[in-house]
Amino acid sequence: MQWLAIAFGGALGAMARFAVTSYMGHILDNRFPLGTLVVNVLGSALVGICYVLIIEKGAWAPEWRHVLMIGFLGAFTTFSTFSLDALNMWQNGHQTLAVVYAAITFAASLAAVVASVEITQRLV
């Protein structure tokens, strides 16, 4: 049953990632991987919330970990796409932008998970 929960969450997460990256790509005319940045930061915030609600507080059933954290957020966030986006910027002569993108992604994702854990712990 865990496999089905993960597969179900993963399918929804992949579709959500595609929707966000498709929409965000049009905002900057695909000149900057804004969609990948958004899904990684948002996914980091959401995993922090899920961690507190499922793992720490037990406010949600443990089975939701498979659907949400492993399935949905595992497919929604994407380190591989982030890496490829940074490499493409680097190879296309935008080394500074590639480094800035990597730094922003790391710092914002880390800040999002820390903030979401802190906020959720205080609210629950």
PDB file of N, CA and C in Angstrom:
ATOM      1  N   MET A   1       0.817  -1.197   0.000  1.00  0.00           N
ATOM      2  CA  MET A   1       0.000   0.000   0.000  1.00  0.00           C
ATOM      3  C   MET A   1       0.864   1.267   0.000  1.00  0.00           C
ATOM      4  N   GLN A   2       2.041   1.202   0.664  1.00  0.00           N
ATOM      5  CA  GLN A   2       2.941   2.353   0.678  1.00  0.00           C
ATOM      6  C   GLN A   2       3.367   2.741  -0.735  1.00  0.00           C
ATOM      7  N   TRP A   3       3.603   1.739  -1.561  1.00  0.00           N
ATOM      8  CA  TRP A   3       4.028   1.994  -2.936  1.00  0.00           C
ATOM      9  C   TRP A   3       2.969   2.765  -3.698  1.00  0.00           C
ATOM     10  N   LEU A   4       1.718   2.403  -3.516  1.00  0.00           N
ATOM     11  CA  LEU A   4       0.626   3.106  -4.195  1.00  0.00           C
ATOM     12  C   LEU A   4       0.485   4.536  -3.687  1.00  0.00           C
ATOM     13  N   ALA A   5       0.643   4.721  -2.381  1.00  0.00           N
ATOM     14  CA  ALA A   5       0.565   6.062  -1.812  1.00  0.00           C
ATOM     15  C   ALA A   5       1.673   6.951  -2.380  1.00  0.00           C
ATOM     16  N   ILE A   6       2.880   6.404  -2.457  1.00  0.00           N
ATOM     17  CA  ILE A   6       4.010   7.161  -3.005  1.00  0.00           C
ATOM     18  C   ILE A   6       3.793   7.454  -4.487  1.00  0.00           C
ATOM     19  N   ALA A   7       3.325   6.465  -5.230  1.00  0.00           N
ATOM     20  CA  ALA A   7       3.078   6.653  -6.665  1.00  0.00           C
ATOM     21  C   ALA A   7       2.000   7.697  -6.899  1.00  0.00           C
ATOM     22  N   PHE A   8       0.933   7.644  -6.117  1.00  0.00           N
ATOM     23  CA  PHE A   8      -0.153   8.617  -6.245  1.00  0.00           C
ATOM     24  C   PHE A   8       0.352  10.030  -5.949  1.00  0.00           C
ATOM     25  N   GLY A   9       1.051  10.182  -4.825  1.00  0.00           N
ATOM     26  CA  GLY A   9       1.608  11.485  -4.475  1.00  0.00           C
ATOM     27  C   GLY A   9       2.617  11.964  -5.502  1.00  0.00           C
ATOM     28  N   GLY A  10       3.444  11.040  -5.997  1.00  0.00           N
ATOM     29  CA  GLY A  10       4.452  11.395  -6.999  1.00  0.00           C
ATOM     30  C   GLY A  10       3.836  11.870  -8.302  1.00  0.00           C
ATOM     31  N   ALA A  11       2.772  11.216  -8.726  1.00  0.00           N
ATOM     32  CA  ALA A  11       2.095  11.644  -9.961  1.00  0.00           C
ATOM     33  C   ALA A  11       1.543  13.059  -9.799  1.00  0.00           C
ATOM     34  N   LEU A  12       0.918  13.324  -8.658  1.00  0.00           N
ATOM     35  CA  LEU A  12       0.376  14.665  -8.416  1.00  0.00           C
ATOM     36  C   LEU A  12       1.487  15.706  -8.309  1.00  0.00           C
ATOM     37  N   GLY A  13       2.585  15.334  -7.651  1.00  0.00           N
ATOM     38  CA  GLY A  13       3.711  16.250  -7.505  1.00  0.00           C
ATOM     39  C   GLY A  13       4.363  16.582  -8.833  1.00  0.00           C
ATOM     40  N   ALA A  14       4.518  15.579  -9.697  1.00  0.00           N
ATOM     41  CA  ALA A  14       5.114  15.815 -11.013  1.00  0.00           C
ATOM     42  C   ALA A  14       4.228  16.720 -11.862  1.00  0.00           C
ATOM     43  N   MET A  15       2.921  16.494 -11.788  1.00  0.00           N
ATOM     44  CA  MET A  15       1.999  17.354 -12.545  1.00  0.00           C
ATOM     45  C   MET A  15       2.016  18.780 -12.003  1.00  0.00           C
ATOM     46  N   ALA A  16       2.093  18.923 -10.683  1.00  0.00           N
ATOM     47  CA  ALA A  16       2.145  20.262 -10.082  1.00  0.00           C
ATOM     48  C   ALA A  16       3.441  20.977 -10.472  1.00  0.00           C
ATOM     49  N   ARG A  17       4.564  20.230 -10.471  1.00  0.00           N
ATOM     50  CA  ARG A  17       5.835  20.841 -10.886  1.00  0.00           C
ATOM     51  C   ARG A  17       5.760  21.312 -12.325  1.00  0.00           C
ATOM     52  N   PHE A  18       5.210  20.480 -13.194  1.00  0.00           N
ATOM     53  CA  PHE A  18       5.079  20.858 -14.601  1.00  0.00           C
ATOM     54  C   PHE A  18       4.221  22.111 -14.741  1.00  0.00           C
ATOM     55  N   ALA A  19       3.137  22.181 -13.997  1.00  0.00           N
ATOM     56  CA  ALA A  19       2.246  23.349 -14.067  1.00  0.00           C
ATOM     57  C   ALA A  19       2.969  24.615 -13.604  1.00  0.00           C
ATOM     58  N   VAL A  20       3.665  24.531 -12.479  1.00  0.00           N
ATOM     59  CA  VAL A  20       4.352  25.713 -11.946  1.00  0.00           C
ATOM     60  C   VAL A  20       5.482  26.145 -12.866  1.00  0.00           C
ATOM     61  N   THR A  21       6.311  25.197 -13.308  1.00  0.00           N
ATOM     62  CA  THR A  21       7.446  25.579 -14.156  1.00  0.00           C
ATOM     63  C   THR A  21       6.984  26.088 -15.519  1.00  0.00           C
ATOM     64  N   SER A  22       5.913  25.540 -16.036  1.00  0.00           N
ATOM     65  CA  SER A  22       5.376  26.033 -17.317  1.00  0.00           C
ATOM     66  C   SER A  22       4.866  27.453 -17.171  1.00  0.00           C
ATOM     67  N   TYR A  23       4.137  27.700 -16.110  1.00  0.00           N
ATOM     68  CA  TYR A  23       3.583  29.038 -15.883  1.00  0.00           C
ATOM     69  C   TYR A  23       4.696  30.048 -15.627  1.00  0.00           C
ATOM     70  N   MET A  24       5.633  29.703 -14.755  1.00  0.00           N
ATOM     71  CA  MET A  24       6.698  30.631 -14.377  1.00  0.00           C
ATOM     72  C   MET A  24       7.671  30.878 -15.527  1.00  0.00           C
ATOM     73  N   GLY A  25       7.843  29.907 -16.403  1.00  0.00           N
ATOM     74  CA  GLY A  25       8.751  30.082 -17.532  1.00  0.00           C
ATOM     75  C   GLY A  25       8.329  31.224 -18.437  1.00  0.00           C
ATOM     76  N   HIS A  26       7.038  31.445 -18.536  1.00  0.00           N
ATOM     77  CA  HIS A  26       6.532  32.516 -19.393  1.00  0.00           C
ATOM     78  C   HIS A  26       6.754  33.898 -18.778  1.00  0.00           C
ATOM     79  N   ILE A  27       6.875  33.968 -17.476  1.00  0.00           N
ATOM     80  CA  ILE A  27       7.032  35.260 -16.810  1.00  0.00           C
ATOM     81  C   ILE A  27       8.332  35.936 -17.239  1.00  0.00           C
ATOM     82  N   LEU A  28       9.410  35.188 -17.259  1.00  0.00           N
ATOM     83  CA  LEU A  28      10.704  35.748 -17.650  1.00  0.00           C
ATOM     84  C   LEU A  28      11.134  35.264 -19.027  1.00  0.00           C
ATOM     85  N   ASP A  29      10.191  34.797 -19.804  1.00  0.00           N
ATOM     86  CA  ASP A  29      10.454  34.348 -21.169  1.00  0.00           C
ATOM     87  C   ASP A  29      11.549  33.276 -21.216  1.00  0.00           C
ATOM     88  N   ASN A  30      11.556  32.402 -20.215  1.00  0.00           N
ATOM     89  CA  ASN A  30      12.497  31.278 -20.118  1.00  0.00           C
ATOM     90  C   ASN A  30      13.968  31.707 -20.089  1.00  0.00           C
ATOM     91  N   ARG A  31      14.249  32.959 -19.695  1.00  0.00           N
ATOM     92  CA  ARG A  31      15.638  33.412 -19.612  1.00  0.00           C
ATOM     93  C   ARG A  31      16.282  33.050 -18.284  1.00  0.00           C
ATOM     94  N   PHE A  32      15.478  32.738 -17.293  1.00  0.00           N
ATOM     95  CA  PHE A  32      15.956  32.358 -15.965  1.00  0.00           C
ATOM     96  C   PHE A  32      15.036  31.256 -15.463  1.00  0.00           C
ATOM     97  N   PRO A  33      15.573  30.207 -14.858  1.00  0.00           N
ATOM     98  CA  PRO A  33      14.738  29.073 -14.424  1.00  0.00           C
ATOM     99  C   PRO A  33      13.932  29.386 -13.162  1.00  0.00           C
ATOM    100  N   LEU A  34      13.077  30.393 -13.253  1.00  0.00           N
ATOM    101  CA  LEU A  34      12.273  30.829 -12.115  1.00  0.00           C
ATOM    102  C   LEU A  34      11.354  29.721 -11.608  1.00  0.00           C
ATOM    103  N   GLY A  35      10.795  28.939 -12.512  1.00  0.00           N
ATOM    104  CA  GLY A  35       9.894  27.865 -12.111  1.00  0.00           C
ATOM    105  C   GLY A  35      10.580  26.834 -11.241  1.00  0.00           C
ATOM    106  N   THR A  36      11.785  26.435 -11.612  1.00  0.00           N
ATOM    107  CA  THR A  36      12.528  25.458 -10.817  1.00  0.00           C
ATOM    108  C   THR A  36      12.885  26.047  -9.454  1.00  0.00           C
ATOM    109  N   LEU A  37      13.274  27.305  -9.443  1.00  0.00           N
ATOM    110  CA  LEU A  37      13.571  27.979  -8.180  1.00  0.00           C
ATOM    111  C   LEU A  37      12.338  27.995  -7.280  1.00  0.00           C
ATOM    112  N   VAL A  38      11.191  28.342  -7.845  1.00  0.00           N
ATOM    113  CA  VAL A  38       9.955  28.421  -7.063  1.00  0.00           C
ATOM    114  C   VAL A  38       9.563  27.052  -6.506  1.00  0.00           C
ATOM    115  N   VAL A  39       9.599  26.004  -7.326  1.00  0.00           N
ATOM    116  CA  VAL A  39       9.191  24.686  -6.819  1.00  0.00           C
ATOM    117  C   VAL A  39      10.149  24.189  -5.735  1.00  0.00           C
ATOM    118  N   ASN A  40      11.437  24.471  -5.866  1.00  0.00           N
ATOM    119  CA  ASN A  40      12.378  24.006  -4.853  1.00  0.00           C
ATOM    120  C   ASN A  40      12.209  24.756  -3.532  1.00  0.00           C
ATOM    121  N   VAL A  41      11.990  26.055  -3.583  1.00  0.00           N
ATOM    122  CA  VAL A  41      11.794  26.830  -2.351  1.00  0.00           C
ATOM    123  C   VAL A  41      10.435  26.501  -1.730  1.00  0.00           C
ATOM    124  N   LEU A  42       9.398  26.471  -2.549  1.00  0.00           N
ATOM    125  CA  LEU A  42       8.067  26.125  -2.045  1.00  0.00           C
ATOM    126  C   LEU A  42       8.052  24.705  -1.489  1.00  0.00           C
ATOM    127  N   GLY A  43       8.668  23.783  -2.193  1.00  0.00           N
ATOM    128  CA  GLY A  43       8.739  22.398  -1.715  1.00  0.00           C
ATOM    129  C   GLY A  43       9.481  22.292  -0.395  1.00  0.00           C
ATOM    130  N   SER A  44      10.526  23.087  -0.213  1.00  0.00           N
ATOM    131  CA  SER A  44      11.260  23.093   1.048  1.00  0.00           C
ATOM    132  C   SER A  44      10.381  23.599   2.187  1.00  0.00           C
ATOM    133  N   ALA A  45       9.610  24.633   1.915  1.00  0.00           N
ATOM    134  CA  ALA A  45       8.695  25.141   2.936  1.00  0.00           C
ATOM    135  C   ALA A  45       7.630  24.098   3.274  1.00  0.00           C
ATOM    136  N   LEU A  46       7.081  23.468   2.260  1.00  0.00           N
ATOM    137  CA  LEU A  46       6.032  22.472   2.488  1.00  0.00           C
ATOM    138  C   LEU A  46       6.551  21.236   3.216  1.00  0.00           C
ATOM    139  N   VAL A  47       7.789  20.824   2.929  1.00  0.00           N
ATOM    140  CA  VAL A  47       8.324  19.653   3.632  1.00  0.00           C
ATOM    141  C   VAL A  47       8.548  19.985   5.106  1.00  0.00           C
ATOM    142  N   GLY A  48       8.885  21.225   5.406  1.00  0.00           N
ATOM    143  CA  GLY A  48       9.024  21.630   6.807  1.00  0.00           C
ATOM    144  C   GLY A  48       7.703  21.557   7.547  1.00  0.00           C
ATOM    145  N   ILE A  49       6.642  22.029   6.897  1.00  0.00           N
ATOM    146  CA  ILE A  49       5.307  21.970   7.491  1.00  0.00           C
ATOM    147  C   ILE A  49       4.892  20.518   7.697  1.00  0.00           C
ATOM    148  N   CYS A  50       5.067  19.704   6.677  1.00  0.00           N
ATOM    149  CA  CYS A  50       4.705  18.281   6.777  1.00  0.00           C
ATOM    150  C   CYS A  50       5.509  17.580   7.862  1.00  0.00           C
ATOM    151  N   TYR A  51       6.776  17.911   7.973  1.00  0.00           N
ATOM    152  CA  TYR A  51       7.632  17.294   8.981  1.00  0.00           C
ATOM    153  C   TYR A  51       7.075  17.539  10.380  1.00  0.00           C
ATOM    154  N   VAL A  52       6.729  18.781  10.650  1.00  0.00           N
ATOM    155  CA  VAL A  52       6.204  19.101  11.979  1.00  0.00           C
ATOM    156  C   VAL A  52       4.858  18.419  12.206  1.00  0.00           C
ATOM    157  N   LEU A  53       3.952  18.524  11.232  1.00  0.00           N
ATOM    158  CA  LEU A  53       2.607  17.989  11.413  1.00  0.00           C
ATOM    159  C   LEU A  53       2.566  16.461  11.460  1.00  0.00           C
ATOM    160  N   ILE A  54       3.417  15.808  10.683  1.00  0.00           N
ATOM    161  CA  ILE A  54       3.374  14.341  10.604  1.00  0.00           C
ATOM    162  C   ILE A  54       4.358  13.693  11.578  1.00  0.00           C
ATOM    163  N   ILE A  55       5.599  14.129  11.545  1.00  0.00           N
ATOM    164  CA  ILE A  55       6.657  13.460  12.306  1.00  0.00           C
ATOM    165  C   ILE A  55       6.715  13.952  13.758  1.00  0.00           C
ATOM    166  N   GLU A  56       6.819  15.263  13.937  1.00  0.00           N
ATOM    167  CA  GLU A  56       7.001  15.795  15.290  1.00  0.00           C
ATOM    168  C   GLU A  56       5.729  15.771  16.131  1.00  0.00           C
ATOM    169  N   LYS A  57       4.648  16.306  15.580  1.00  0.00           N
ATOM    170  CA  LYS A  57       3.423  16.488  16.366  1.00  0.00           C
ATOM    171  C   LYS A  57       2.426  15.348  16.227  1.00  0.00           C
ATOM    172  N   GLY A  58       2.541  14.571  15.176  1.00  0.00           N
ATOM    173  CA  GLY A  58       1.579  13.493  14.957  1.00  0.00           C
ATOM    174  C   GLY A  58       0.171  14.004  14.706  1.00  0.00           C
ATOM    175  N   ALA A  59       0.059  15.233  14.212  1.00  0.00           N
ATOM    176  CA  ALA A  59      -1.256  15.826  13.948  1.00  0.00           C
ATOM    177  C   ALA A  59      -1.934  15.173  12.747  1.00  0.00           C
ATOM    178  N   TRP A  60      -1.142  14.649  11.842  1.00  0.00           N
ATOM    179  CA  TRP A  60      -1.651  13.909  10.690  1.00  0.00           C
ATOM    180  C   TRP A  60      -1.154  12.478  10.792  1.00  0.00           C
ATOM    181  N   ALA A  61      -1.901  11.558  10.257  1.00  0.00           N
ATOM    182  CA  ALA A  61      -1.531  10.139  10.291  1.00  0.00           C
ATOM    183  C   ALA A  61      -0.168   9.923   9.620  1.00  0.00           C
ATOM    184  N   PRO A  62       0.639   8.998  10.162  1.00  0.00           N
ATOM    185  CA  PRO A  62       1.972   8.743   9.595  1.00  0.00           C
ATOM    186  C   PRO A  62       1.946   8.340   8.127  1.00  0.00           C
ATOM    187  N   GLU A  63       0.830   7.768   7.665  1.00  0.00           N
ATOM    188  CA  GLU A  63       0.724   7.359   6.261  1.00  0.00           C
ATOM    189  C   GLU A  63       0.824   8.544   5.301  1.00  0.00           C
ATOM    190  N   TRP A  64       0.485   9.742   5.777  1.00  0.00           N
ATOM    191  CA  TRP A  64       0.576  10.925   4.919  1.00  0.00           C
ATOM    192  C   TRP A  64       2.017  11.237   4.537  1.00  0.00           C
ATOM    193  N   ARG A  65       2.970  10.734   5.316  1.00  0.00           N
ATOM    194  CA  ARG A  65       4.381  10.928   4.980  1.00  0.00           C
ATOM    195  C   ARG A  65       4.685  10.338   3.604  1.00  0.00           C
ATOM    196  N   HIS A  66       4.126   9.170   3.324  1.00  0.00           N
ATOM    197  CA  HIS A  66       4.367   8.519   2.034  1.00  0.00           C
ATOM    198  C   HIS A  66       3.754   9.307   0.885  1.00  0.00           C
ATOM    199  N   VAL A  67       2.532   9.758   1.066  1.00  0.00           N
ATOM    200  CA  VAL A  67       1.838  10.496   0.005  1.00  0.00           C
ATOM    201  C   VAL A  67       2.466  11.871  -0.199  1.00  0.00           C
ATOM    202  N   LEU A  68       2.643  12.615   0.885  1.00  0.00           N
ATOM    203  CA  LEU A  68       3.062  14.011   0.773  1.00  0.00           C
ATOM    204  C   LEU A  68       4.573  14.218   0.705  1.00  0.00           C
ATOM    205  N   MET A  69       5.281  13.679   1.676  1.00  0.00           N
ATOM    206  CA  MET A  69       6.716  13.975   1.759  1.00  0.00           C
ATOM    207  C   MET A  69       7.537  13.190   0.735  1.00  0.00           C
ATOM    208  N   ILE A  70       7.286  11.901   0.646  1.00  0.00           N
ATOM    209  CA  ILE A  70       8.072  11.074  -0.281  1.00  0.00           C
ATOM    210  C   ILE A  70       7.531  11.197  -1.705  1.00  0.00           C
ATOM    211  N   GLY A  71       6.220  11.052  -1.866  1.00  0.00           N
ATOM    212  CA  GLY A  71       5.615  11.066  -3.192  1.00  0.00           C
ATOM    213  C   GLY A  71       5.490  12.455  -3.780  1.00  0.00           C
ATOM    214  N   PHE A  72       4.578  13.254  -3.229  1.00  0.00           N
ATOM    215  CA  PHE A  72       4.279  14.561  -3.815  1.00  0.00           C
ATOM    216  C   PHE A  72       5.496  15.481  -3.830  1.00  0.00           C
ATOM    217  N   LEU A  73       6.094  15.718  -2.667  1.00  0.00           N
ATOM    218  CA  LEU A  73       7.209  16.661  -2.608  1.00  0.00           C
ATOM    219  C   LEU A  73       8.478  16.112  -3.239  1.00  0.00           C
ATOM    220  N   GLY A  74       8.635  14.778  -3.216  1.00  0.00           N
ATOM    221  CA  GLY A  74       9.773  14.180  -3.903  1.00  0.00           C
ATOM    222  C   GLY A  74       9.726  14.424  -5.402  1.00  0.00           C
ATOM    223  N   ALA A  75       8.531  14.386  -5.973  1.00  0.00           N
ATOM    224  CA  ALA A  75       8.375  14.627  -7.412  1.00  0.00           C
ATOM    225  C   ALA A  75       8.235  16.120  -7.724  1.00  0.00           C
ATOM    226  N   PHE A  76       7.716  16.882  -6.778  1.00  0.00           N
ATOM    227  CA  PHE A  76       7.500  18.319  -7.004  1.00  0.00           C
ATOM    228  C   PHE A  76       8.820  19.075  -7.049  1.00  0.00           C
ATOM    229  N   THR A  77       9.697  18.805  -6.102  1.00  0.00           N
ATOM    230  CA  THR A  77      11.000  19.468  -6.101  1.00  0.00           C
ATOM    231  C   THR A  77      11.943  18.693  -7.009  1.00  0.00           C
ATOM    232  N   THR A  78      12.990  19.368  -7.462  1.00  0.00           N
ATOM    233  CA  THR A  78      13.828  18.699  -8.445  1.00  0.00           C
ATOM    234  C   THR A  78      15.254  19.225  -8.434  1.00  0.00           C
ATOM    235  N   PHE A  79      16.122  18.461  -7.815  1.00  0.00           N
ATOM    236  CA  PHE A  79      17.536  18.826  -7.794  1.00  0.00           C
ATOM    237  C   PHE A  79      18.177  18.614  -9.163  1.00  0.00           C
ATOM    238  N   SER A  80      17.730  17.611  -9.877  1.00  0.00           N
ATOM    239  CA  SER A  80      18.323  17.332 -11.183  1.00  0.00           C
ATOM    240  C   SER A  80      18.045  18.465 -12.176  1.00  0.00           C
ATOM    241  N   THR A  81      16.836  18.976 -12.189  1.00  0.00           N
ATOM    242  CA  THR A  81      16.524  20.090 -13.094  1.00  0.00           C
ATOM    243  C   THR A  81      17.283  21.341 -12.683  1.00  0.00           C
ATOM    244  N   PHE A  82      17.359  21.581 -11.388  1.00  0.00           N
ATOM    245  CA  PHE A  82      18.135  22.712 -10.873  1.00  0.00           C
ATOM    246  C   PHE A  82      19.577  22.622 -11.366  1.00  0.00           C
ATOM    247  N   SER A  83      20.180  21.452 -11.245  1.00  0.00           N
ATOM    248  CA  SER A  83      21.569  21.264 -11.661  1.00  0.00           C
ATOM    249  C   SER A  83      21.747  21.504 -13.152  1.00  0.00           C
ATOM    250  N   LEU A  84      20.826  20.986 -13.943  1.00  0.00           N
ATOM    251  CA  LEU A  84      20.909  21.163 -15.394  1.00  0.00           C
ATOM    252  C   LEU A  84      20.712  22.631 -15.786  1.00  0.00           C
ATOM    253  N   ASP A  85      19.779  23.310 -15.124  1.00  0.00           N
ATOM    254  CA  ASP A  85      19.570  24.741 -15.401  1.00  0.00           C
ATOM    255  C   ASP A  85      20.840  25.539 -15.119  1.00  0.00           C
ATOM    256  N   ALA A  86      21.473  25.268 -13.988  1.00  0.00           N
ATOM    257  CA  ALA A  86      22.705  25.976 -13.638  1.00  0.00           C
ATOM    258  C   ALA A  86      23.817  25.672 -14.646  1.00  0.00           C
ATOM    259  N   LEU A  87      23.933  24.414 -15.042  1.00  0.00           N
ATOM    260  CA  LEU A  87      24.942  24.038 -16.031  1.00  0.00           C
ATOM    261  C   LEU A  87      24.691  24.736 -17.368  1.00  0.00           C
ATOM    262  N   ASN A  88      23.449  24.774 -17.811  1.00  0.00           N
ATOM    263  CA  ASN A  88      23.122  25.441 -19.078  1.00  0.00           C
ATOM    264  C   ASN A  88      23.474  26.924 -19.030  1.00  0.00           C
ATOM    265  N   MET A  89      23.167  27.582 -17.931  1.00  0.00           N
ATOM    266  CA  MET A  89      23.528  28.998 -17.809  1.00  0.00           C
ATOM    267  C   MET A  89      25.050  29.153 -17.868  1.00  0.00           C
ATOM    268  N   TRP A  90      25.761  28.282 -17.166  1.00  0.00           N
ATOM    269  CA  TRP A  90      27.224  28.342 -17.146  1.00  0.00           C
ATOM    270  C   TRP A  90      27.795  28.153 -18.550  1.00  0.00           C
ATOM    271  N   GLN A  91      27.325  27.129 -19.246  1.00  0.00           N
ATOM    272  CA  GLN A  91      27.845  26.826 -20.579  1.00  0.00           C
ATOM    273  C   GLN A  91      27.455  27.874 -21.616  1.00  0.00           C
ATOM    274  N   ASN A  92      26.393  28.624 -21.364  1.00  0.00           N
ATOM    275  CA  ASN A  92      25.962  29.670 -22.294  1.00  0.00           C
ATOM    276  C   ASN A  92      26.570  31.036 -21.958  1.00  0.00           C
ATOM    277  N   GLY A  93      27.607  31.022 -21.130  1.00  0.00           N
ATOM    278  CA  GLY A  93      28.336  32.255 -20.854  1.00  0.00           C
ATOM    279  C   GLY A  93      27.771  33.091 -19.726  1.00  0.00           C
ATOM    280  N   HIS A  94      26.868  32.547 -18.968  1.00  0.00           N
ATOM    281  CA  HIS A  94      26.253  33.291 -17.869  1.00  0.00           C
ATOM    282  C   HIS A  94      26.714  32.713 -16.530  1.00  0.00           C
ATOM    283  N   GLN A  95      28.036  32.688 -16.332  1.00  0.00           N
ATOM    284  CA  GLN A  95      28.602  32.069 -15.144  1.00  0.00           C
ATOM    285  C   GLN A  95      28.139  32.759 -13.859  1.00  0.00           C
ATOM    286  N   THR A  96      28.130  34.072 -13.874  1.00  0.00           N
ATOM    287  CA  THR A  96      27.701  34.808 -12.674  1.00  0.00           C
ATOM    288  C   THR A  96      26.250  34.498 -12.351  1.00  0.00           C
ATOM    289  N   LEU A  97      25.399  34.482 -13.349  1.00  0.00           N
ATOM    290  CA  LEU A  97      23.987  34.170 -13.131  1.00  0.00           C
ATOM    291  C   LEU A  97      23.817  32.737 -12.618  1.00  0.00           C
ATOM    292  N   ALA A  98      24.613  31.811 -13.124  1.00  0.00           N
ATOM    293  CA  ALA A  98      24.545  30.418 -12.666  1.00  0.00           C
ATOM    294  C   ALA A  98      24.911  30.311 -11.185  1.00  0.00           C
ATOM    295  N   VAL A  99      25.950  31.023 -10.776  1.00  0.00           N
ATOM    296  CA  VAL A  99      26.367  31.003  -9.372  1.00  0.00           C
ATOM    297  C   VAL A  99      25.318  31.674  -8.491  1.00  0.00           C
ATOM    298  N   VAL A 100      24.774  32.790  -8.952  1.00  0.00           N
ATOM    299  CA  VAL A 100      23.721  33.488  -8.199  1.00  0.00           C
ATOM    300  C   VAL A 100      22.491  32.592  -8.057  1.00  0.00           C
ATOM    301  N   TYR A 101      22.117  31.938  -9.133  1.00  0.00           N
ATOM    302  CA  TYR A 101      20.970  31.020  -9.114  1.00  0.00           C
ATOM    303  C   TYR A 101      21.185  29.893  -8.109  1.00  0.00           C
ATOM    304  N   ALA A 102      22.367  29.298  -8.122  1.00  0.00           N
ATOM    305  CA  ALA A 102      22.669  28.211  -7.191  1.00  0.00           C
ATOM    306  C   ALA A 102      22.645  28.708  -5.751  1.00  0.00           C
ATOM    307  N   ALA A 103      23.227  29.873  -5.514  1.00  0.00           N
ATOM    308  CA  ALA A 103      23.254  30.427  -4.158  1.00  0.00           C
ATOM    309  C   ALA A 103      21.850  30.778  -3.668  1.00  0.00           C
ATOM    310  N   ILE A 104      21.056  31.393  -4.543  1.00  0.00           N
ATOM    311  CA  ILE A 104      19.682  31.747  -4.166  1.00  0.00           C
ATOM    312  C   ILE A 104      18.869  30.486  -3.884  1.00  0.00           C
ATOM    313  N   THR A 105      18.999  29.490  -4.739  1.00  0.00           N
ATOM    314  CA  THR A 105      18.246  28.248  -4.544  1.00  0.00           C
ATOM    315  C   THR A 105      18.594  27.610  -3.213  1.00  0.00           C
ATOM    316  N   PHE A 106      19.878  27.496  -2.920  1.00  0.00           N
ATOM    317  CA  PHE A 106      20.295  26.873  -1.669  1.00  0.00           C
ATOM    318  C   PHE A 106      19.832  27.692  -0.472  1.00  0.00           C
ATOM    319  N   ALA A 107      20.136  28.987  -0.473  1.00  0.00           N
ATOM    320  CA  ALA A 107      19.802  29.829   0.679  1.00  0.00           C
ATOM    321  C   ALA A 107      18.291  29.939   0.891  1.00  0.00           C
ATOM    322  N   ALA A 108      17.557  30.146  -0.186  1.00  0.00           N
ATOM    323  CA  ALA A 108      16.104  30.297  -0.055  1.00  0.00           C
ATOM    324  C   ALA A 108      15.439  28.992   0.352  1.00  0.00           C
ATOM    325  N   SER A 109      15.899  27.867  -0.166  1.00  0.00           N
ATOM    326  CA  SER A 109      15.323  26.568   0.204  1.00  0.00           C
ATOM    327  C   SER A 109      15.612  26.246   1.663  1.00  0.00           C
ATOM    328  N   LEU A 110      16.834  26.505   2.100  1.00  0.00           N
ATOM    329  CA  LEU A 110      17.184  26.268   3.495  1.00  0.00           C
ATOM    330  C   LEU A 110      16.379  27.203   4.408  1.00  0.00           C
ATOM    331  N   ALA A 111      16.289  28.460   4.049  1.00  0.00           N
ATOM    332  CA  ALA A 111      15.505  29.411   4.843  1.00  0.00           C
ATOM    333  C   ALA A 111      14.032  29.015   4.882  1.00  0.00           C
ATOM    334  N   ALA A 112      13.515  28.519   3.768  1.00  0.00           N
ATOM    335  CA  ALA A 112      12.106  28.120   3.711  1.00  0.00           C
ATOM    336  C   ALA A 112      11.814  26.948   4.638  1.00  0.00           C
ATOM    337  N   VAL A 113      12.689  25.958   4.659  1.00  0.00           N
ATOM    338  CA  VAL A 113      12.438  24.800   5.527  1.00  0.00           C
ATOM    339  C   VAL A 113      12.610  25.187   6.996  1.00  0.00           C
ATOM    340  N   VAL A 114      13.588  25.997   7.312  1.00  0.00           N
ATOM    341  CA  VAL A 114      13.781  26.441   8.697  1.00  0.00           C
ATOM    342  C   VAL A 114      12.588  27.269   9.151  1.00  0.00           C
ATOM    343  N   ALA A 115      12.177  28.235   8.338  1.00  0.00           N
ATOM    344  CA  ALA A 115      11.050  29.092   8.706  1.00  0.00           C
ATOM    345  C   ALA A 115       9.751  28.308   8.833  1.00  0.00           C
ATOM    346  N   SER A 116       9.513  27.390   7.906  1.00  0.00           N
ATOM    347  CA  SER A 116       8.257  26.644   7.958  1.00  0.00           C
ATOM    348  C   SER A 116       8.200  25.710   9.173  1.00  0.00           C
ATOM    349  N   VAL A 117       9.334  25.129   9.543  1.00  0.00           N
ATOM    350  CA  VAL A 117       9.370  24.303  10.755  1.00  0.00           C
ATOM    351  C   VAL A 117       9.101  25.166  11.990  1.00  0.00           C
ATOM    352  N   GLU A 118       9.776  26.289  12.090  1.00  0.00           N
ATOM    353  CA  GLU A 118       9.595  27.179  13.245  1.00  0.00           C
ATOM    354  C   GLU A 118       8.151  27.676  13.353  1.00  0.00           C
ATOM    355  N   ILE A 119       7.615  28.141  12.258  1.00  0.00           N
ATOM    356  CA  ILE A 119       6.246  28.675  12.251  1.00  0.00           C
ATOM    357  C   ILE A 119       5.226  27.592  12.569  1.00  0.00           C
ATOM    358  N   THR A 120       5.384  26.435  11.954  1.00  0.00           N
ATOM    359  CA  THR A 120       4.429  25.344  12.188  1.00  0.00           C
ATOM    360  C   THR A 120       4.517  24.842  13.622  1.00  0.00           C
ATOM    361  N   GLN A 121       5.717  24.760  14.163  1.00  0.00           N
ATOM    362  CA  GLN A 121       5.871  24.341  15.570  1.00  0.00           C
ATOM    363  C   GLN A 121       5.151  25.300  16.508  1.00  0.00           C
ATOM    364  N   ARG A 122       5.212  26.575  16.217  1.00  0.00           N
ATOM    365  CA  ARG A 122       4.556  27.575  17.071  1.00  0.00           C
ATOM    366  C   ARG A 122       3.036  27.557  16.924  1.00  0.00           C
ATOM    367  N   LEU A 123       2.556  27.223  15.726  1.00  0.00           N
ATOM    368  CA  LEU A 123       1.121  27.242  15.479  1.00  0.00           C
ATOM    369  C   LEU A 123       0.413  25.973  15.921  1.00  0.00           C
ATOM    370  N   VAL A 124       1.152  24.857  15.920  1.00  0.00           N
ATOM    371  CA  VAL A 124       0.515  23.573  16.245  1.00  0.00           C
ATOM    372  C   VAL A 124       0.822  23.181  17.681  1.00  0.00           C
TER     373      VAL A 124
END
